[in-house]
C-alpha atoms as a PDB file:
ATOM      1  CA  VAL A   1      11.569 -13.804 -17.710  1.00  0.00           C
ATOM      2  CA  GLN A   2       8.501 -13.689 -15.211  1.00  0.00           C
ATOM      3  CA  LEU A   3       7.303 -10.475 -13.563  1.00  0.00           C
ATOM      4  CA  GLN A   4       4.593 -11.269 -10.831  1.00  0.00           C
ATOM      5  CA  ALA A   5       3.198  -8.475  -9.067  1.00  0.00           C
ATOM      6  CA  SER A   6       1.111  -9.009  -6.153  1.00  0.00           C
ATOM      7  CA  GLY A   7      -0.353  -7.210  -2.849  1.00  0.00           C
ATOM      8  CA  GLY A   8      -2.945  -4.970  -4.300  1.00  0.00           C
ATOM      9  CA  GLY A   9      -6.387  -4.677  -3.031  1.00  0.00           C
ATOM     10  CA  LEU A  10      -9.211  -2.309  -1.537  1.00  0.00           C
ATOM     11  CA  ALA A  11      -7.947   0.255   0.687  1.00  0.00           C
ATOM     12  CA  GLN A  12      -9.542   3.500   2.123  1.00  0.00           C
ATOM     13  CA  PRO A  13      -8.108   6.921   1.221  1.00  0.00           C
ATOM     14  CA  GLY A  14      -5.181   7.282   3.877  1.00  0.00           C
ATOM     15  CA  GLY A  15      -4.808   3.917   3.909  1.00  0.00           C
ATOM     16  CA  SER A  16      -1.654   1.987   3.179  1.00  0.00           C
ATOM     17  CA  LEU A  17      -0.868  -1.018   1.031  1.00  0.00           C
ATOM     18  CA  ARG A  18       2.431  -2.808   0.301  1.00  0.00           C
ATOM     19  CA  LEU A  19       3.150  -4.306  -3.250  1.00  0.00           C
ATOM     20  CA  SER A  20       5.780  -7.037  -4.111  1.00  0.00           C
ATOM     21  CA  CYS A  21       7.188  -8.164  -7.383  1.00  0.00           C
ATOM     22  CA  THR A  22       9.105 -11.298  -7.795  1.00  0.00           C
ATOM     23  CA  VAL A  23      11.424 -11.614 -10.667  1.00  0.00           C
ATOM     24  CA  SER A  24      12.572 -14.911 -12.199  1.00  0.00           C
ATOM     25  CA  GLY A  25      14.535 -15.602 -15.364  1.00  0.00           C
ATOM     26  CA  THR A  26      16.914 -12.710 -15.158  1.00  0.00           C
ATOM     27  CA  PHE A  27      19.804 -11.117 -13.442  1.00  0.00           C
ATOM     28  CA  PHE A  28      17.557  -9.184 -11.282  1.00  0.00           C
ATOM     29  CA  SER A  29      20.741  -7.679  -9.353  1.00  0.00           C
ATOM     30  CA  LEU A  30      22.159  -6.169 -12.612  1.00  0.00           C
ATOM     31  CA  ASP A  31      19.111  -3.953 -13.421  1.00  0.00           C
ATOM     32  CA  THR A  32      17.470  -0.867 -12.311  1.00  0.00           C
ATOM     33  CA  MET A  33      13.825  -1.545 -11.476  1.00  0.00           C
ATOM     34  CA  GLY A  34      10.792   0.231 -11.508  1.00  0.00           C
ATOM     35  CA  TRP A  35       7.071   0.310 -10.580  1.00  0.00           C
ATOM     36  CA  TYR A  36       4.486   1.556 -13.104  1.00  0.00           C
ATOM     37  CA  ARG A  37       0.679   1.952 -12.945  1.00  0.00           C
ATOM     38  CA  GLN A  38      -2.054   2.170 -15.475  1.00  0.00           C
ATOM     39  CA  ALA A  39      -5.009   4.128 -14.043  1.00  0.00           C
ATOM     40  CA  PRO A  40      -8.387   3.352 -15.861  1.00  0.00           C
ATOM     41  CA  GLY A  41      -8.220   5.138 -19.541  1.00  0.00           C
ATOM     42  CA  GLN A  42      -4.542   6.382 -18.803  1.00  0.00           C
ATOM     43  CA  GLY A  43      -1.182   5.132 -20.358  1.00  0.00           C
ATOM     44  CA  ARG A  44       1.386   3.512 -18.318  1.00  0.00           C
ATOM     45  CA  GLU A  45       3.454   5.502 -16.165  1.00  0.00           C
ATOM     46  CA  LEU A  46       6.725   5.013 -14.318  1.00  0.00           C
ATOM     47  CA  ILE A  47       6.425   6.149 -10.705  1.00  0.00           C
ATOM     48  CA  ALA A  48       9.370   4.652  -8.975  1.00  0.00           C
ATOM     49  CA  SER A  49      12.692   3.636  -9.948  1.00  0.00           C
ATOM     50  CA  ILE A  50      15.475   2.108  -7.658  1.00  0.00           C
ATOM     51  CA  THR A  51      18.936   1.478  -9.173  1.00  0.00           C
ATOM     52  CA  VAL A  52      21.096  -1.646  -8.265  1.00  0.00           C
ATOM     53  CA  ALA A  53      22.973   0.364  -5.613  1.00  0.00           C
ATOM     54  CA  GLY A  54      19.760   1.476  -4.277  1.00  0.00           C
ATOM     55  CA  THR A  55      19.134   4.943  -5.481  1.00  0.00           C
ATOM     56  CA  THR A  56      15.447   5.964  -5.844  1.00  0.00           C
ATOM     57  CA  THR A  57      13.667   8.342  -7.796  1.00  0.00           C
ATOM     58  CA  TYR A  58       9.911   9.121  -7.808  1.00  0.00           C
ATOM     59  CA  THR A  59       7.236  10.936  -9.895  1.00  0.00           C
ATOM     60  CA  ASP A  60       6.092  14.010  -8.062  1.00  0.00           C
ATOM     61  CA  SER A  61       2.393  12.582  -7.697  1.00  0.00           C
ATOM     62  CA  VAL A  62       3.965   9.778  -5.347  1.00  0.00           C
ATOM     63  CA  ARG A  63       6.776  11.180  -3.739  1.00  0.00           C
ATOM     64  CA  GLY A  64       6.868  11.118  -0.060  1.00  0.00           C
ATOM     65  CA  ARG A  65       4.212   8.761   0.086  1.00  0.00           C
ATOM     66  CA  PHE A  66       5.770   5.698  -1.630  1.00  0.00           C
ATOM     67  CA  THR A  67       8.554   3.818  -1.005  1.00  0.00           C
ATOM     68  CA  ILE A  68      10.578   1.580  -3.571  1.00  0.00           C
ATOM     69  CA  SER A  69      12.968  -0.979  -2.085  1.00  0.00           C
ATOM     70  CA  ARG A  70      14.628  -4.239  -3.493  1.00  0.00           C
ATOM     71  CA  ASP A  71      15.947  -7.395  -1.921  1.00  0.00           C
ATOM     72  CA  ASN A  72      18.584  -8.528  -4.435  1.00  0.00           C
ATOM     73  CA  ASP A  73      18.919 -11.878  -2.634  1.00  0.00           C
ATOM     74  CA  ARG A  74      15.486 -12.643  -3.262  1.00  0.00           C
ATOM     75  CA  ASN A  75      15.149 -11.372  -6.725  1.00  0.00           C
ATOM     76  CA  ARG A  76      11.836  -9.122  -4.835  1.00  0.00           C
ATOM     77  CA  LEU A  77      10.991  -5.587  -5.415  1.00  0.00           C
ATOM     78  CA  SER A  78       8.694  -3.827  -3.141  1.00  0.00           C
ATOM     79  CA  LEU A  79       6.463  -0.706  -2.921  1.00  0.00           C
ATOM     80  CA  GLN A  80       5.302   0.567   0.203  1.00  0.00           C
ATOM     81  CA  MET A  81       2.450   2.950  -0.141  1.00  0.00           C
ATOM     82  CA  THR A  82       1.233   5.340   2.293  1.00  0.00           C
ATOM     83  CA  ARG A  83      -1.647   7.580   2.372  1.00  0.00           C
ATOM     84  CA  LEU A  84      -3.129   6.213  -0.587  1.00  0.00           C
ATOM     85  CA  LYS A  85      -5.529   8.902  -2.647  1.00  0.00           C
ATOM     86  CA  PRO A  86      -8.352   7.713  -4.963  1.00  0.00           C
ATOM     87  CA  GLU A  87      -6.030   8.987  -7.864  1.00  0.00           C
ATOM     88  CA  ASP A  88      -3.678   6.535  -6.841  1.00  0.00           C
ATOM     89  CA  THR A  89      -6.417   3.618  -8.226  1.00  0.00           C
ATOM     90  CA  ALA A  90      -4.910   1.709 -10.864  1.00  0.00           C
ATOM     91  CA  VAL A  91      -2.995  -1.765 -12.033  1.00  0.00           C
ATOM     92  CA  TYR A  92       0.599  -1.557 -10.572  1.00  0.00           C
ATOM     93  CA  PHE A  93       3.214  -3.501 -12.699  1.00  0.00           C
ATOM     94  CA  CYS A  94       6.871  -3.924 -12.094  1.00  0.00           C
ATOM     95  CA  ASN A  95       9.739  -4.081 -14.648  1.00  0.00           C
ATOM     96  CA  THR A  96      13.185  -2.766 -15.529  1.00  0.00           C
ATOM     97  CA  ASN A  97      13.529   0.729 -16.020  1.00  0.00           C
ATOM     98  CA  PRO A  98      13.688   1.157 -19.224  1.00  0.00           C
ATOM     99  CA  TYR A  99      11.110  -1.658 -19.314  1.00  0.00           C
ATOM    100  CA  GLN A 100      12.432  -4.664 -21.519  1.00  0.00           C
ATOM    101  CA  TYR A 101      10.299  -7.428 -20.520  1.00  0.00           C
ATOM    102  CA  ASN A 102       6.721  -8.252 -21.093  1.00  0.00           C
ATOM    103  CA  TRP A 103       4.385  -6.836 -18.374  1.00  0.00           C
ATOM    104  CA  GLY A 104       2.612  -9.560 -16.576  1.00  0.00           C
ATOM    105  CA  GLN A 105      -1.003  -9.005 -15.077  1.00  0.00           C
ATOM    106  CA  GLY A 106       0.018  -6.568 -12.525  1.00  0.00           C
ATOM    107  CA  THR A 107      -1.975  -6.043  -9.369  1.00  0.00           C
ATOM    108  CA  LEU A 108      -4.815  -4.037  -8.936  1.00  0.00           C
ATOM    109  CA  VAL A 109      -5.090  -0.979  -6.551  1.00  0.00           C
ATOM    110  CA  THR A 110      -8.593   0.425  -5.628  1.00  0.00           C
ATOM    111  CA  VAL A 111      -8.704   3.499  -3.160  1.00  0.00           C
ATOM    112  CA  SER A 112     -12.089   3.997  -2.566  1.00  0.00           C
ATOM    113  CA  SER A 113     -14.432   4.976   0.653  1.00  0.00           C
END
């Protein structure tokens, strides 16, 4: 199974970024998927999740700012991030929820002016 996250970069506070995750080697359409992040010096946390049916959940810190979505035909998971804050700076990963697979490299998001 390969989980390839992309789309990170440098954004200003208040800005937006869109992350994508391509999943291969598993039945993507059968799994609840999640976006996780790991800030410098912190543990990895689940921030958004989406079921096969499309039901979404978010941690309090991103609710109302981030939107998770999935395309089961393309085995792709997305995270639209808006109103970014410096505390959103982290490496972002995708995986199932709960996680089952190796994490991959993730994609770095840096929010700074």
